[in-house]
Amino acid sequence: MTENKEKKAKEEVILYKILILGDSSVGKTSLLLQFCDEKFDPETLTTVGIDYKKKFIMRHGQKIQLQLCDTAGQERFRSIAKNFYKNCDGIILVYDIANIKSFENIKSWINSIKDNVDLDKIGLIIVGNKIDLEEKREVNLDTVKDFGEKHNIDVFEVSAKNGKGVEEIFTHLTKKLFQKKHIGVVQPGEDEFTMRRGSYVLNAESAKPKNNRNGEGCNC
């Protein structure tokens, strides 16, 4: 009977709704395109309102669907994004390492999130995008780490342009949500994820196949 319940649980798809927030032009849409489609478009248009994509991840036989919501960063659209806070499972808060103002506004974004959702019930990470523009850096990584430690939020730096670190942030957040919401489904300490375009062990860069396209695709 227990085996049947476990089999049925693994046949069901776990859905995690993830919001991508941050100021306009920090690269939220580009992060989404890089993760789902492995592409970068320098002519990406500014998001108006909310845009969606989805991606499937297999964790030890358990199918997980990520519903990824790309939100507009302009002030006039923030009220729209707030409507989605209470229904989300996780949030990726993005700033541009070459734009100090976008990082300074992170605190405002966090306050807005706190006003609408209990942070203990969701997964939240901070991501500095555009590390390919290192020569134009305005945001010191140590400053961000200190900020993250103060607020107990994991921080990352990535490049939506060349893909560096992009998969890691989504898999890290997915693992965090899985542990928070479905910790009993797998054995504690198991970190391996199987993506539809390959598999790797979290935090083991050498195990990650960057261009494996033998999977089913991300179905975005």
C-alpha atoms as a PDB file:
ATOM      1  CA  MET A   1       0.000   0.000   0.000  1.00  0.00           C
ATOM      2  CA  THR A   2       2.855   2.351   0.871  1.00  0.00           C
ATOM      3  CA  GLU A   3       4.568   1.575  -2.442  1.00  0.00           C
ATOM      4  CA  ASN A   4       1.383   2.481  -4.323  1.00  0.00           C
ATOM      5  CA  LYS A   5       1.148   5.810  -2.483  1.00  0.00           C
ATOM      6  CA  GLU A   6       4.796   6.613  -3.264  1.00  0.00           C
ATOM      7  CA  LYS A   7       4.271   5.658  -6.920  1.00  0.00           C
ATOM      8  CA  LYS A   8       1.158   7.837  -7.163  1.00  0.00           C
ATOM      9  CA  ALA A   9       2.991  10.775  -5.520  1.00  0.00           C
ATOM     10  CA  LYS A  10       5.795  10.562  -8.068  1.00  0.00           C
ATOM     11  CA  GLU A  11       3.302  10.397 -10.942  1.00  0.00           C
ATOM     12  CA  GLU A  12       1.767  13.683  -9.816  1.00  0.00           C
ATOM     13  CA  VAL A  13       3.390  16.923 -10.953  1.00  0.00           C
ATOM     14  CA  ILE A  14       4.482  19.317  -8.224  1.00  0.00           C
ATOM     15  CA  LEU A  15       3.912  22.936  -9.267  1.00  0.00           C
ATOM     16  CA  TYR A  16       6.061  25.796  -8.008  1.00  0.00           C
ATOM     17  CA  LYS A  17       5.159  29.345  -9.006  1.00  0.00           C
ATOM     18  CA  ILE A  18       8.220  31.578  -9.137  1.00  0.00           C
ATOM     19  CA  LEU A  19       8.216  35.352  -9.592  1.00  0.00           C
ATOM     20  CA  ILE A  20      11.185  37.186 -11.099  1.00  0.00           C
ATOM     21  CA  LEU A  21      11.284  40.727  -9.688  1.00  0.00           C
ATOM     22  CA  GLY A  22      13.580  43.729  -9.938  1.00  0.00           C
ATOM     23  CA  ASP A  23      14.005  47.112 -11.564  1.00  0.00           C
ATOM     24  CA  SER A  24      13.472  47.641 -15.273  1.00  0.00           C
ATOM     25  CA  SER A  25      16.357  46.596 -17.559  1.00  0.00           C
ATOM     26  CA  VAL A  26      18.207  44.438 -15.017  1.00  0.00           C
ATOM     27  CA  GLY A  27      17.764  41.420 -17.327  1.00  0.00           C
ATOM     28  CA  LYS A  28      14.813  39.501 -15.875  1.00  0.00           C
ATOM     29  CA  THR A  29      13.469  38.447 -19.262  1.00  0.00           C
ATOM     30  CA  SER A  30      16.950  37.527 -20.465  1.00  0.00           C
ATOM     31  CA  LEU A  31      17.427  35.253 -17.427  1.00  0.00           C
ATOM     32  CA  LEU A  32      14.186  33.494 -18.275  1.00  0.00           C
ATOM     33  CA  LEU A  33      15.103  33.051 -21.943  1.00  0.00           C
ATOM     34  CA  GLN A  34      18.559  31.751 -21.082  1.00  0.00           C
ATOM     35  CA  PHE A  35      17.170  29.220 -18.611  1.00  0.00           C
ATOM     36  CA  CYS A  36      14.306  27.944 -20.779  1.00  0.00           C
ATOM     37  CA  ASP A  37      15.653  28.375 -24.306  1.00  0.00           C
ATOM     38  CA  GLU A  38      19.441  28.672 -23.838  1.00  0.00           C
ATOM     39  CA  LYS A  39      19.497  31.862 -25.864  1.00  0.00           C
ATOM     40  CA  PHE A  40      20.217  35.547 -25.405  1.00  0.00           C
ATOM     41  CA  ASP A  41      18.563  38.284 -27.439  1.00  0.00           C
ATOM     42  CA  PRO A  42      20.147  41.739 -27.036  1.00  0.00           C
ATOM     43  CA  GLU A  43      16.997  43.226 -28.583  1.00  0.00           C
ATOM     44  CA  THR A  44      14.672  41.780 -25.940  1.00  0.00           C
ATOM     45  CA  LEU A  45      11.721  44.116 -25.455  1.00  0.00           C
ATOM     46  CA  THR A  46      10.755  45.486 -22.055  1.00  0.00           C
ATOM     47  CA  THR A  47       8.135  43.319 -20.374  1.00  0.00           C
ATOM     48  CA  VAL A  48       4.702  44.898 -20.026  1.00  0.00           C
ATOM     49  CA  GLY A  49       2.736  43.486 -17.106  1.00  0.00           C
ATOM     50  CA  ILE A  50       3.395  39.753 -16.571  1.00  0.00           C
ATOM     51  CA  ASP A  51       4.835  37.144 -18.931  1.00  0.00           C
ATOM     52  CA  TYR A  52       4.991  33.384 -18.330  1.00  0.00           C
ATOM     53  CA  LYS A  53       7.172  30.429 -19.200  1.00  0.00           C
ATOM     54  CA  LYS A  54       7.396  26.953 -17.749  1.00  0.00           C
ATOM     55  CA  LYS A  55      10.101  24.373 -17.247  1.00  0.00           C
ATOM     56  CA  PHE A  56      10.083  20.813 -15.962  1.00  0.00           C
ATOM     57  CA  ILE A  57      12.630  19.344 -13.542  1.00  0.00           C
ATOM     58  CA  MET A  58      12.845  15.729 -12.383  1.00  0.00           C
ATOM     59  CA  ARG A  59      14.026  15.206  -8.803  1.00  0.00           C
ATOM     60  CA  HIS A  60      14.622  11.516  -8.014  1.00  0.00           C
ATOM     61  CA  GLY A  61      11.638  10.453 -10.071  1.00  0.00           C
ATOM     62  CA  GLN A  62       9.419  13.322  -8.913  1.00  0.00           C
ATOM     63  CA  LYS A  63       8.293  15.608 -11.727  1.00  0.00           C
ATOM     64  CA  ILE A  64       8.338  19.311 -10.835  1.00  0.00           C
ATOM     65  CA  GLN A  65       6.902  22.066 -13.019  1.00  0.00           C
ATOM     66  CA  LEU A  66       8.277  25.559 -12.567  1.00  0.00           C
ATOM     67  CA  GLN A  67       5.804  28.246 -13.600  1.00  0.00           C
ATOM     68  CA  LEU A  68       8.076  31.244 -14.110  1.00  0.00           C
ATOM     69  CA  CYS A  69       6.538  34.712 -14.063  1.00  0.00           C
ATOM     70  CA  ASP A  70       8.569  37.526 -15.609  1.00  0.00           C
ATOM     71  CA  THR A  71       7.344  40.859 -14.259  1.00  0.00           C
ATOM     72  CA  ALA A  72       7.670  44.437 -15.458  1.00  0.00           C
ATOM     73  CA  GLY A  73      10.036  46.512 -13.334  1.00  0.00           C
ATOM     74  CA  GLN A  74       8.584  49.934 -14.028  1.00  0.00           C
ATOM     75  CA  GLU A  75       6.877  51.604 -11.078  1.00  0.00           C
ATOM     76  CA  ARG A  76       3.510  51.794 -12.832  1.00  0.00           C
ATOM     77  CA  PHE A  77       3.386  48.001 -13.187  1.00  0.00           C
ATOM     78  CA  ARG A  78       4.411  47.094  -9.621  1.00  0.00           C
ATOM     79  CA  SER A  79       0.819  46.979  -8.418  1.00  0.00           C
ATOM     80  CA  ILE A  80       0.197  44.235 -10.986  1.00  0.00           C
ATOM     81  CA  ALA A  81       3.112  42.173  -9.666  1.00  0.00           C
ATOM     82  CA  LYS A  82       1.845  42.540  -6.092  1.00  0.00           C
ATOM     83  CA  ASN A  83      -1.294  40.649  -7.055  1.00  0.00           C
ATOM     84  CA  PHE A  84       0.884  37.590  -7.676  1.00  0.00           C
ATOM     85  CA  TYR A  85       2.914  37.711  -4.443  1.00  0.00           C
ATOM     86  CA  LYS A  86       0.483  35.782  -2.286  1.00  0.00           C
ATOM     87  CA  ASN A  87       0.167  32.914  -4.758  1.00  0.00           C
ATOM     88  CA  CYS A  88       3.878  32.429  -5.418  1.00  0.00           C
ATOM     89  CA  ASP A  89       6.161  29.792  -3.908  1.00  0.00           C
ATOM     90  CA  GLY A  90       9.454  31.491  -4.673  1.00  0.00           C
ATOM     91  CA  ILE A  91      10.917  34.832  -5.745  1.00  0.00           C
ATOM     92  CA  ILE A  92      14.094  35.685  -7.643  1.00  0.00           C
ATOM     93  CA  LEU A  93      15.010  39.306  -6.939  1.00  0.00           C
ATOM     94  CA  VAL A  94      17.334  40.645  -9.641  1.00  0.00           C
ATOM     95  CA  TYR A  95      19.667  43.642  -9.832  1.00  0.00           C
ATOM     96  CA  ASP A  96      22.271  44.750 -12.387  1.00  0.00           C
ATOM     97  CA  ILE A  97      25.877  44.677 -11.090  1.00  0.00           C
ATOM     98  CA  ALA A  98      26.624  47.629 -13.397  1.00  0.00           C
ATOM     99  CA  ASN A  99      23.793  49.736 -11.974  1.00  0.00           C
ATOM    100  CA  ILE A 100      24.168  50.637  -8.298  1.00  0.00           C
ATOM    101  CA  LYS A 101      20.662  52.104  -8.167  1.00  0.00           C
ATOM    102  CA  SER A 102      19.136  48.743  -9.084  1.00  0.00           C
ATOM    103  CA  PHE A 103      20.852  47.211  -6.057  1.00  0.00           C
ATOM    104  CA  GLU A 104      19.919  50.069  -3.744  1.00  0.00           C
ATOM    105  CA  ASN A 105      16.300  49.442  -4.712  1.00  0.00           C
ATOM    106  CA  ILE A 106      16.540  45.798  -3.574  1.00  0.00           C
ATOM    107  CA  LYS A 107      15.613  46.842  -0.033  1.00  0.00           C
ATOM    108  CA  SER A 108      12.474  48.546  -1.348  1.00  0.00           C
ATOM    109  CA  TRP A 109      11.544  45.392  -3.256  1.00  0.00           C
ATOM    110  CA  ILE A 110      12.041  43.263  -0.143  1.00  0.00           C
ATOM    111  CA  ASN A 111       9.847  45.603   1.912  1.00  0.00           C
ATOM    112  CA  SER A 112       7.155  45.334  -0.749  1.00  0.00           C
ATOM    113  CA  ILE A 113       7.394  41.538  -0.662  1.00  0.00           C
ATOM    114  CA  LYS A 114       7.181  41.506   3.155  1.00  0.00           C
ATOM    115  CA  ASP A 115       4.039  43.633   2.993  1.00  0.00           C
ATOM    116  CA  ASN A 116       2.334  41.002   0.883  1.00  0.00           C
ATOM    117  CA  VAL A 117       3.711  37.603   1.883  1.00  0.00           C
ATOM    118  CA  ASP A 118       5.330  35.788   4.806  1.00  0.00           C
ATOM    119  CA  LEU A 119       8.988  35.296   3.850  1.00  0.00           C
ATOM    120  CA  ASP A 120       9.157  32.155   5.992  1.00  0.00           C
ATOM    121  CA  LYS A 121       6.639  30.499   3.690  1.00  0.00           C
ATOM    122  CA  ILE A 122       8.401  31.179   0.380  1.00  0.00           C
ATOM    123  CA  GLY A 123      11.873  30.816  -1.104  1.00  0.00           C
ATOM    124  CA  LEU A 124      13.679  34.104  -1.849  1.00  0.00           C
ATOM    125  CA  ILE A 125      17.078  34.642  -3.468  1.00  0.00           C
ATOM    126  CA  ILE A 126      18.921  37.745  -4.694  1.00  0.00           C
ATOM    127  CA  VAL A 127      20.663  37.601  -8.075  1.00  0.00           C
ATOM    128  CA  GLY A 128      23.167  40.051  -9.524  1.00  0.00           C
ATOM    129  CA  ASN A 129      22.993  39.860 -13.318  1.00  0.00           C
ATOM    130  CA  LYS A 130      25.420  40.954 -16.074  1.00  0.00           C
ATOM    131  CA  ILE A 131      28.733  39.708 -14.662  1.00  0.00           C
ATOM    132  CA  ASP A 132      29.879  39.763 -18.281  1.00  0.00           C
ATOM    133  CA  LEU A 133      30.105  43.558 -17.733  1.00  0.00           C
ATOM    134  CA  GLU A 134      32.712  43.240 -14.981  1.00  0.00           C
ATOM    135  CA  GLU A 135      34.613  46.286 -16.235  1.00  0.00           C
ATOM    136  CA  LYS A 136      31.480  48.367 -15.600  1.00  0.00           C
ATOM    137  CA  ARG A 137      30.732  46.920 -12.154  1.00  0.00           C
ATOM    138  CA  GLU A 138      29.209  49.372  -9.660  1.00  0.00           C
ATOM    139  CA  VAL A 139      28.016  46.853  -7.043  1.00  0.00           C
ATOM    140  CA  ASN A 140      30.649  45.229  -4.833  1.00  0.00           C
ATOM    141  CA  LEU A 141      29.971  41.515  -4.280  1.00  0.00           C
ATOM    142  CA  ASP A 142      31.094  41.670  -0.647  1.00  0.00           C
ATOM    143  CA  THR A 143      28.511  44.388  -0.041  1.00  0.00           C
ATOM    144  CA  VAL A 144      25.806  42.127  -1.468  1.00  0.00           C
ATOM    145  CA  LYS A 145      26.980  39.158   0.599  1.00  0.00           C
ATOM    146  CA  ASP A 146      26.848  41.262   3.751  1.00  0.00           C
ATOM    147  CA  PHE A 147      23.347  42.370   2.809  1.00  0.00           C
ATOM    148  CA  GLY A 148      22.300  38.760   2.193  1.00  0.00           C
ATOM    149  CA  GLU A 149      23.701  37.582   5.526  1.00  0.00           C
ATOM    150  CA  LYS A 150      21.961  40.419   7.343  1.00  0.00           C
ATOM    151  CA  HIS A 151      18.605  39.495   5.842  1.00  0.00           C
ATOM    152  CA  ASN A 152      19.245  35.727   5.707  1.00  0.00           C
ATOM    153  CA  ILE A 153      18.862  35.603   1.924  1.00  0.00           C
ATOM    154  CA  ASP A 154      21.082  33.602  -0.445  1.00  0.00           C
ATOM    155  CA  VAL A 155      22.860  35.734  -3.059  1.00  0.00           C
ATOM    156  CA  PHE A 156      24.250  34.836  -6.481  1.00  0.00           C
ATOM    157  CA  GLU A 157      25.865  36.492  -9.497  1.00  0.00           C
ATOM    158  CA  VAL A 158      25.130  35.360 -13.048  1.00  0.00           C
ATOM    159  CA  SER A 159      25.263  36.347 -16.692  1.00  0.00           C
ATOM    160  CA  ALA A 160      22.072  35.976 -18.700  1.00  0.00           C
ATOM    161  CA  LYS A 161      24.187  36.774 -21.772  1.00  0.00           C
ATOM    162  CA  ASN A 162      26.613  33.846 -21.610  1.00  0.00           C
ATOM    163  CA  GLY A 163      24.583  31.633 -19.266  1.00  0.00           C
ATOM    164  CA  LYS A 164      27.110  31.492 -16.442  1.00  0.00           C
ATOM    165  CA  GLY A 165      25.382  30.567 -13.190  1.00  0.00           C
ATOM    166  CA  VAL A 166      21.843  30.751 -14.609  1.00  0.00           C
ATOM    167  CA  GLU A 167      20.856  27.089 -14.162  1.00  0.00           C
ATOM    168  CA  GLU A 168      22.353  27.105 -10.672  1.00  0.00           C
ATOM    169  CA  ILE A 169      20.023  29.798  -9.348  1.00  0.00           C
ATOM    170  CA  PHE A 170      16.880  28.053 -10.555  1.00  0.00           C
ATOM    171  CA  THR A 171      17.955  24.630  -9.307  1.00  0.00           C
ATOM    172  CA  HIS A 172      19.050  26.107  -5.969  1.00  0.00           C
ATOM    173  CA  LEU A 173      15.661  27.754  -5.495  1.00  0.00           C
ATOM    174  CA  THR A 174      13.837  24.601  -6.606  1.00  0.00           C
ATOM    175  CA  LYS A 175      15.797  22.536  -4.088  1.00  0.00           C
ATOM    176  CA  LYS A 176      14.987  25.097  -1.405  1.00  0.00           C
ATOM    177  CA  LEU A 177      11.262  24.917  -2.200  1.00  0.00           C
ATOM    178  CA  PHE A 178      11.349  21.134  -2.376  1.00  0.00           C
ATOM    179  CA  GLN A 179      12.929  20.896   1.059  1.00  0.00           C
ATOM    180  CA  LYS A 180      10.508  23.453   2.488  1.00  0.00           C
ATOM    181  CA  LYS A 181       7.341  21.941   1.048  1.00  0.00           C
ATOM    182  CA  HIS A 182       8.081  18.295   0.221  1.00  0.00           C
ATOM    183  CA  ILE A 183      10.990  17.300   2.437  1.00  0.00           C
ATOM    184  CA  GLY A 184       9.492  13.864   3.057  1.00  0.00           C
ATOM    185  CA  VAL A 185       9.397  12.836  -0.607  1.00  0.00           C
ATOM    186  CA  VAL A 186      13.127  11.995  -0.867  1.00  0.00           C
ATOM    187  CA  GLN A 187      15.896  11.079   1.508  1.00  0.00           C
ATOM    188  CA  PRO A 188      17.571  14.034   3.300  1.00  0.00           C
ATOM    189  CA  GLY A 189      20.848  15.131   1.784  1.00  0.00           C
ATOM    190  CA  GLU A 190      20.064  14.078  -1.777  1.00  0.00           C
ATOM    191  CA  ASP A 191      20.983  16.968  -4.065  1.00  0.00           C
ATOM    192  CA  GLU A 192      20.901  15.547  -7.570  1.00  0.00           C
ATOM    193  CA  PHE A 193      18.553  17.118 -10.091  1.00  0.00           C
ATOM    194  CA  THR A 194      17.699  15.757 -13.520  1.00  0.00           C
ATOM    195  CA  MET A 195      16.881  18.428 -16.051  1.00  0.00           C
ATOM    196  CA  ARG A 196      15.078  17.756 -19.299  1.00  0.00           C
ATOM    197  CA  ARG A 197      18.273  18.602 -21.143  1.00  0.00           C
ATOM    198  CA  GLY A 198      20.642  16.728 -18.812  1.00  0.00           C
ATOM    199  CA  SER A 199      21.534  16.184 -15.182  1.00  0.00           C
ATOM    200  CA  TYR A 200      24.086  17.415 -12.684  1.00  0.00           C
ATOM    201  CA  VAL A 201      24.791  17.516  -8.996  1.00  0.00           C
ATOM    202  CA  LEU A 202      24.059  20.853  -7.340  1.00  0.00           C
ATOM    203  CA  ASN A 203      27.241  22.821  -6.586  1.00  0.00           C
ATOM    204  CA  ALA A 204      29.389  20.433  -8.644  1.00  0.00           C
ATOM    205  CA  GLU A 205      30.227  22.481 -11.728  1.00  0.00           C
ATOM    206  CA  SER A 206      32.248  19.717 -13.350  1.00  0.00           C
ATOM    207  CA  ALA A 207      29.222  17.423 -13.381  1.00  0.00           C
ATOM    208  CA  LYS A 208      27.016  19.837 -15.309  1.00  0.00           C
ATOM    209  CA  PRO A 209      26.577  19.239 -19.076  1.00  0.00           C
ATOM    210  CA  LYS A 210      26.080  22.746 -20.466  1.00  0.00           C
ATOM    211  CA  ASN A 211      24.940  21.863 -23.974  1.00  0.00           C
ATOM    212  CA  ASN A 212      23.218  18.513 -23.616  1.00  0.00           C
ATOM    213  CA  ARG A 213      20.181  18.694 -25.882  1.00  0.00           C
ATOM    214  CA  ASN A 214      19.255  15.016 -25.755  1.00  0.00           C
ATOM    215  CA  GLY A 215      16.365  15.658 -23.380  1.00  0.00           C
ATOM    216  CA  GLU A 216      12.799  16.520 -24.212  1.00  0.00           C
ATOM    217  CA  GLY A 217      13.283  20.277 -24.158  1.00  0.00           C
ATOM    218  CA  CYS A 218      11.905  22.733 -21.673  1.00  0.00           C
ATOM    219  CA  ASN A 219       8.391  22.883 -23.191  1.00  0.00           C
ATOM    220  CA  CYS A 220       8.290  26.670 -22.706  1.00  0.00           C
END
